[in-house]
Structure formats: C-alpha cells, structure tokens
Amino acid sequence: MPGLAHPLLAPDEWNALTRPGGAGPLHWVVLNVADGPGVQPDPSCLEAAGRLRNAGVRVLGRLDSAYGLRDFGELVSDAHRFTDWYRTDGFLLDRCPADRAALPAVRRAVHALRTIHDGAHIVLGHGTHPHPGHADIADQLVTFSGPWSDYRWSQAAEWTVDHPPERFCHLVHGVPRPHLEEALRVARWQGAATVWFTDRTDRDSRVGPWEPLPGYWDEVVSRVGTGVSE
C-alpha cells in the first residue's frame, strides 16, 4: 500500500487494512504523515501504525529522495523520526535515482538507514527499472509506478530474471475492474511478487491515486493469487 490519506481523512480505509482477512495479503504499508514524518508525533498516525504492526503488517516510513537531490542529513533525520516516533519496520526511499552514477549515494543512504534501524526492510522507489546494481542494495525495488495504460504494454528488464520475484514491486493506478486479472498476469509474467493495483486515477486533482483504497479492495483480498500479493 503506497500510502493512504491521513487517518483522520480516511478512517474507514485504515480500518479496512486491519479487519479480519484484510491484512493477510499485505506485504507492507507506507506511512506518510506530512510528506515524511512531520515535525512532531501525530496521535492518529501512531494509532494506525500500531494497529497494522499488531496485525503483522510491516509499516514503512516514506522518505523522499527527490531523485538524489535531497540533503543526506535531512533523510537521516526523517528516518530517525519515523523510527523513534512510529516504530516503523523500514523505509520506502521514494523518488530514488535510478542511474548507475547514483549507486554510491544510494548505497550510502541505505547503509545509514540500516544503521538507524537494524533489520529494516528497505524499498527503493524508482518507479522504473534502474541500473541492475541497485538490486544488490535494498530488499525490494519498485520497478513500475504509473497508469494501467502504460503497464499493460510494459516489459521487464532482462536482468530481473536473475532475481526472485520477491525483490520487485509494481504500483499501478487506473486498472479497471474487468482488467484486474490481466494486470495480475502481467505482474506474474514480469516477475513481481508485490503489487498494488487500484482503479483510482491521477486525474482527480483533489487526491492522488494511492490515497483511497481500490474500489475492488475486498475482491482483491479474497482472490489474490499465489506469488503475487497486494
């Protein structure tokens, strides 16, 4: 789950993630309090994150890399806040640079995150296939993030076959209900074991496509296939 709206704005959605059966297929949920951890602990987010952890779901703090332009010290400070305030299980390094030249900086950032939180689950949010060297840095890579109109014709990079599906994540918005099975097949063909499919789109300027739950959330929970989890 790339990041629901704030729990005060989407209480039903957050509750749906922890009701019986709802947390079963979730690999992780991203907590994004205020474009990061915010400036002080948020009681609503503390409660929501605690319920997810009690349900056995990883909670990741969102750290914005700004494609490598973010100050290293700011990233580390945000990571400390997520760990100290919300006891997150790891981090999504969002808008992560994907080229070969960025490898040293990304390695440095991930090393610092693992120092802050021993055993942290680290996801690199490239949103595209990065240089293959990135696969050796983190636990998972987001190798697609975008609309269904692009995803249905996309192809995995050849180097991904050298890694298990558990290393790759796909985030796809605008997937119509009749095309849900097709989207799942694309994920399997491309070797991505963690996916987020939603019928929400980026055409609504009030909220992003990731902030609400998919309209078919209950159906996905009941029928998600082996090897692909939402």
Protein backbone atom coordinates (compact mmCIF):
# COMPACT_ATOMS: atom_id res chain seq x y z
CA MET A 1 0.00 0.00 0.00
CA PRO A 2 1.90 3.10 -1.24
CA GLY A 3 0.25 5.45 1.25
CA LEU A 4 -3.35 6.13 2.27
CA ALA A 5 -4.64 9.57 3.13
CA HIS A 6 -4.24 10.71 6.74
CA PRO A 7 -6.20 8.51 9.19
CA LEU A 8 -8.45 11.44 10.12
CA LEU A 9 -9.41 11.83 6.45
CA ALA A 10 -9.65 8.12 5.64
CA PRO A 11 -10.55 6.26 8.86
CA ASP A 12 -12.58 3.58 7.09
CA GLU A 13 -9.72 2.82 4.71
CA TRP A 14 -7.19 2.42 7.51
CA ASN A 15 -9.62 0.23 9.45
CA ALA A 16 -10.15 -1.95 6.36
CA LEU A 17 -6.45 -2.81 6.34
CA THR A 18 -6.63 -4.39 9.79
CA ARG A 19 -10.06 -6.03 9.84
CA PRO A 20 -10.05 -9.88 9.77
CA GLY A 21 -8.69 -11.03 6.43
CA GLY A 22 -7.79 -7.54 5.30
CA ALA A 23 -4.16 -7.62 6.44
CA GLY A 24 -3.47 -11.11 5.12
CA PRO A 25 -2.10 -10.25 1.66
CA LEU A 26 -0.32 -7.04 2.66
CA HIS A 27 3.46 -7.08 2.47
CA TRP A 28 3.85 -3.52 3.70
CA VAL A 29 2.02 -0.22 4.12
CA VAL A 30 3.71 3.16 3.68
CA LEU A 31 3.17 5.78 6.37
CA ASN A 32 3.45 9.33 5.03
CA VAL A 33 2.42 11.70 7.80
CA ALA A 34 3.23 15.06 6.19
CA ASP A 35 5.44 14.44 3.17
CA GLY A 36 7.57 12.49 5.62
CA PRO A 37 7.31 12.02 9.41
CA GLY A 38 6.12 15.55 10.17
CA VAL A 39 7.53 17.85 12.84
CA GLN A 40 6.01 16.09 15.84
CA PRO A 41 4.32 12.74 16.58
CA ASP A 42 0.80 12.51 15.20
CA PRO A 43 -1.54 10.58 17.57
CA SER A 44 -3.79 9.36 14.74
CA CYS A 45 -0.85 8.01 12.78
CA LEU A 46 0.63 6.43 15.89
CA GLU A 47 -2.62 4.54 16.44
CA ALA A 48 -2.94 3.49 12.79
CA ALA A 49 0.65 2.27 12.61
CA GLY A 50 0.27 0.38 15.88
CA ARG A 51 -2.81 -1.46 14.64
CA LEU A 52 -1.02 -2.53 11.49
CA ARG A 53 2.02 -3.80 13.36
CA ASN A 54 -0.25 -5.73 15.74
CA ALA A 55 -1.84 -7.32 12.67
CA GLY A 56 1.59 -8.45 11.47
CA VAL A 57 1.96 -5.89 8.66
CA ARG A 58 5.21 -4.04 8.03
CA VAL A 59 4.93 -0.27 8.28
CA LEU A 60 7.44 1.68 6.20
CA GLY A 61 8.22 5.36 6.59
CA ARG A 62 8.25 7.35 3.35
CA LEU A 63 11.49 9.20 2.73
CA ASP A 64 11.61 11.49 -0.30
CA SER A 65 14.96 11.25 -2.07
CA ALA A 66 13.88 13.86 -4.67
CA TYR A 67 15.80 11.85 -7.31
CA GLY A 68 19.02 12.26 -5.38
CA LEU A 69 18.69 15.99 -4.70
CA ARG A 70 17.56 15.66 -1.08
CA ASP A 71 20.12 16.55 1.56
CA PHE A 72 21.58 13.41 3.15
CA GLY A 73 21.27 14.83 6.65
CA GLU A 74 17.57 15.57 6.13
CA LEU A 75 16.93 11.98 5.02
CA VAL A 76 18.69 10.61 8.09
CA SER A 77 16.80 13.00 10.37
CA ASP A 78 13.45 11.92 8.89
CA ALA A 79 14.40 8.27 9.28
CA HIS A 80 15.19 8.81 12.97
CA ARG A 81 11.79 10.45 13.49
CA PHE A 82 9.95 7.59 11.81
CA THR A 83 11.83 5.07 13.93
CA ASP A 84 11.61 6.93 17.24
CA TRP A 85 8.00 8.12 16.93
CA TYR A 86 6.22 5.44 14.91
CA ARG A 87 8.45 2.38 15.36
CA THR A 88 8.43 1.79 11.62
CA ASP A 89 9.77 -1.52 10.31
CA GLY A 90 11.71 0.06 7.47
CA PHE A 91 11.59 2.72 4.80
CA LEU A 92 10.43 3.46 1.28
CA LEU A 93 13.11 5.62 -0.31
CA ASP A 94 10.73 7.28 -2.75
CA ARG A 95 11.72 9.06 -5.97
CA CYS A 96 15.01 7.22 -5.80
CA PRO A 97 17.52 7.98 -8.59
CA ALA A 98 17.86 5.02 -10.94
CA ASP A 99 21.07 5.50 -12.94
CA ARG A 100 24.49 3.98 -12.43
CA ALA A 101 26.03 7.26 -11.27
CA ALA A 102 23.64 7.32 -8.30
CA LEU A 103 24.77 3.95 -6.92
CA PRO A 104 27.32 5.29 -4.38
CA ALA A 105 24.85 7.82 -2.94
CA VAL A 106 22.04 5.27 -2.73
CA ARG A 107 24.35 2.75 -1.04
CA ARG A 108 25.38 5.41 1.47
CA ALA A 109 21.75 6.27 2.22
CA VAL A 110 20.68 2.63 2.64
CA HIS A 111 23.69 1.89 4.86
CA ALA A 112 22.69 4.81 7.09
CA LEU A 113 19.08 3.59 7.24
CA ARG A 114 20.20 0.11 8.29
CA THR A 115 22.40 1.68 10.95
CA ILE A 116 19.41 3.59 12.32
CA HIS A 117 17.19 0.50 12.26
CA ASP A 118 18.91 -2.88 12.35
CA GLY A 119 16.87 -5.29 10.24
CA ALA A 120 14.93 -2.54 8.46
CA HIS A 121 13.04 -3.51 5.31
CA ILE A 122 14.26 -1.13 2.60
CA VAL A 123 12.34 -0.48 -0.61
CA LEU A 124 13.80 1.71 -3.36
CA GLY A 125 11.01 3.60 -5.09
CA HIS A 126 12.49 4.07 -8.56
CA GLY A 127 9.20 3.63 -10.39
CA THR A 128 11.15 2.29 -13.36
CA HIS A 129 13.81 -0.32 -13.99
CA PRO A 130 17.04 1.07 -12.52
CA HIS A 131 20.62 0.11 -13.26
CA PRO A 132 20.95 -3.54 -12.14
CA GLY A 133 23.46 -2.57 -9.46
CA HIS A 134 20.59 -1.20 -7.37
CA ALA A 135 19.23 -4.72 -6.88
CA ASP A 136 22.14 -5.53 -4.55
CA ILE A 137 21.46 -2.55 -2.28
CA ALA A 138 17.93 -2.97 -0.90
CA ASP A 139 15.35 -5.63 -0.10
CA GLN A 140 12.93 -4.62 -2.85
CA LEU A 141 12.77 -2.31 -5.86
CA VAL A 142 9.69 -0.57 -7.24
CA THR A 143 10.33 -1.11 -10.95
CA PHE A 144 6.99 0.24 -12.17
CA SER A 145 4.81 3.05 -10.88
CA GLY A 146 2.24 4.54 -13.20
CA PRO A 147 -1.01 4.09 -15.13
CA TRP A 148 -2.54 0.90 -16.44
CA SER A 149 -2.40 2.28 -19.98
CA ASP A 150 1.41 2.05 -19.79
CA TYR A 151 1.65 -1.05 -17.60
CA ARG A 152 -0.31 -3.37 -19.87
CA TRP A 153 2.30 -2.91 -22.62
CA SER A 154 5.37 -2.75 -20.37
CA GLN A 155 8.23 -5.24 -20.27
CA ALA A 156 10.63 -6.21 -17.52
CA ALA A 157 14.33 -5.53 -17.96
CA GLU A 158 16.28 -8.65 -18.91
CA TRP A 159 18.48 -8.52 -15.82
CA THR A 160 15.50 -9.03 -13.49
CA VAL A 161 15.34 -12.75 -14.37
CA ASP A 162 18.46 -13.22 -12.24
CA HIS A 163 16.48 -12.26 -9.12
CA PRO A 164 13.44 -13.82 -7.42
CA PRO A 165 10.01 -12.14 -7.81
CA GLU A 166 10.06 -11.19 -4.12
CA ARG A 167 12.59 -8.49 -4.97
CA PHE A 168 10.26 -6.47 -7.22
CA CYS A 169 7.16 -4.30 -6.70
CA HIS A 170 4.70 -2.79 -9.18
CA LEU A 171 2.32 0.09 -8.35
CA VAL A 172 -0.38 0.58 -10.98
CA HIS A 173 -3.30 3.00 -10.97
CA GLY A 174 -6.30 3.27 -13.26
CA VAL A 175 -6.78 -0.51 -13.55
CA PRO A 176 -10.46 -1.12 -14.46
CA ARG A 177 -12.15 -3.99 -12.65
CA PRO A 178 -12.54 -6.05 -15.89
CA HIS A 179 -8.77 -5.87 -16.42
CA LEU A 180 -7.72 -6.90 -12.91
CA GLU A 181 -6.92 -10.49 -13.90
CA GLU A 182 -4.92 -9.26 -16.86
CA ALA A 183 -2.93 -6.95 -14.57
CA LEU A 184 -2.15 -9.86 -12.25
CA ARG A 185 -0.96 -11.91 -15.23
CA VAL A 186 1.36 -9.07 -16.33
CA ALA A 187 2.85 -8.96 -12.82
CA ARG A 188 3.44 -12.72 -12.86
CA TRP A 189 4.99 -12.64 -16.34
CA GLN A 190 7.29 -9.83 -15.30
CA GLY A 191 8.26 -11.50 -12.03
CA ALA A 192 6.88 -9.04 -9.47
CA ALA A 193 5.62 -10.59 -6.25
CA THR A 194 4.43 -7.41 -4.55
CA VAL A 195 1.83 -5.33 -6.38
CA TRP A 196 -0.67 -2.57 -5.73
CA PHE A 197 -3.46 -2.28 -8.28
CA THR A 198 -6.15 0.36 -7.97
CA ASP A 199 -8.98 1.66 -10.11
CA ARG A 200 -8.31 5.16 -8.78
CA THR A 201 -6.63 7.53 -11.23
CA ASP A 202 -4.40 10.59 -11.17
CA ARG A 203 -6.98 12.69 -12.98
CA ASP A 204 -8.65 13.78 -9.75
CA SER A 205 -6.65 16.79 -8.58
CA ARG A 206 -8.01 16.61 -5.03
CA VAL A 207 -6.37 13.29 -4.10
CA GLY A 208 -3.65 11.13 -5.58
CA PRO A 209 -4.42 7.66 -6.94
CA TRP A 210 -2.79 5.99 -3.94
CA GLU A 211 -4.69 7.82 -1.19
CA PRO A 212 -8.01 5.90 -1.35
CA LEU A 213 -8.38 2.13 -1.34
CA PRO A 214 -9.26 0.47 -4.65
CA GLY A 215 -12.98 0.14 -5.27
CA TYR A 216 -12.44 -3.62 -5.57
CA TRP A 217 -10.28 -3.96 -2.44
CA ASP A 218 -12.43 -6.66 -0.82
CA GLU A 219 -12.40 -8.72 -4.01
CA VAL A 220 -8.63 -8.50 -4.36
CA VAL A 221 -8.16 -9.59 -0.75
CA SER A 222 -10.32 -12.66 -1.36
CA ARG A 223 -8.78 -13.79 -4.64
CA VAL A 224 -5.14 -12.62 -4.80
CA GLY A 225 -3.10 -15.43 -6.31
CA THR A 226 -0.08 -17.33 -5.09
CA GLY A 227 3.15 -15.43 -5.69
CA VAL A 228 1.52 -12.03 -6.08
CA SER A 229 0.42 -10.08 -3.04
CA GLU A 230 -1.19 -6.67 -2.71
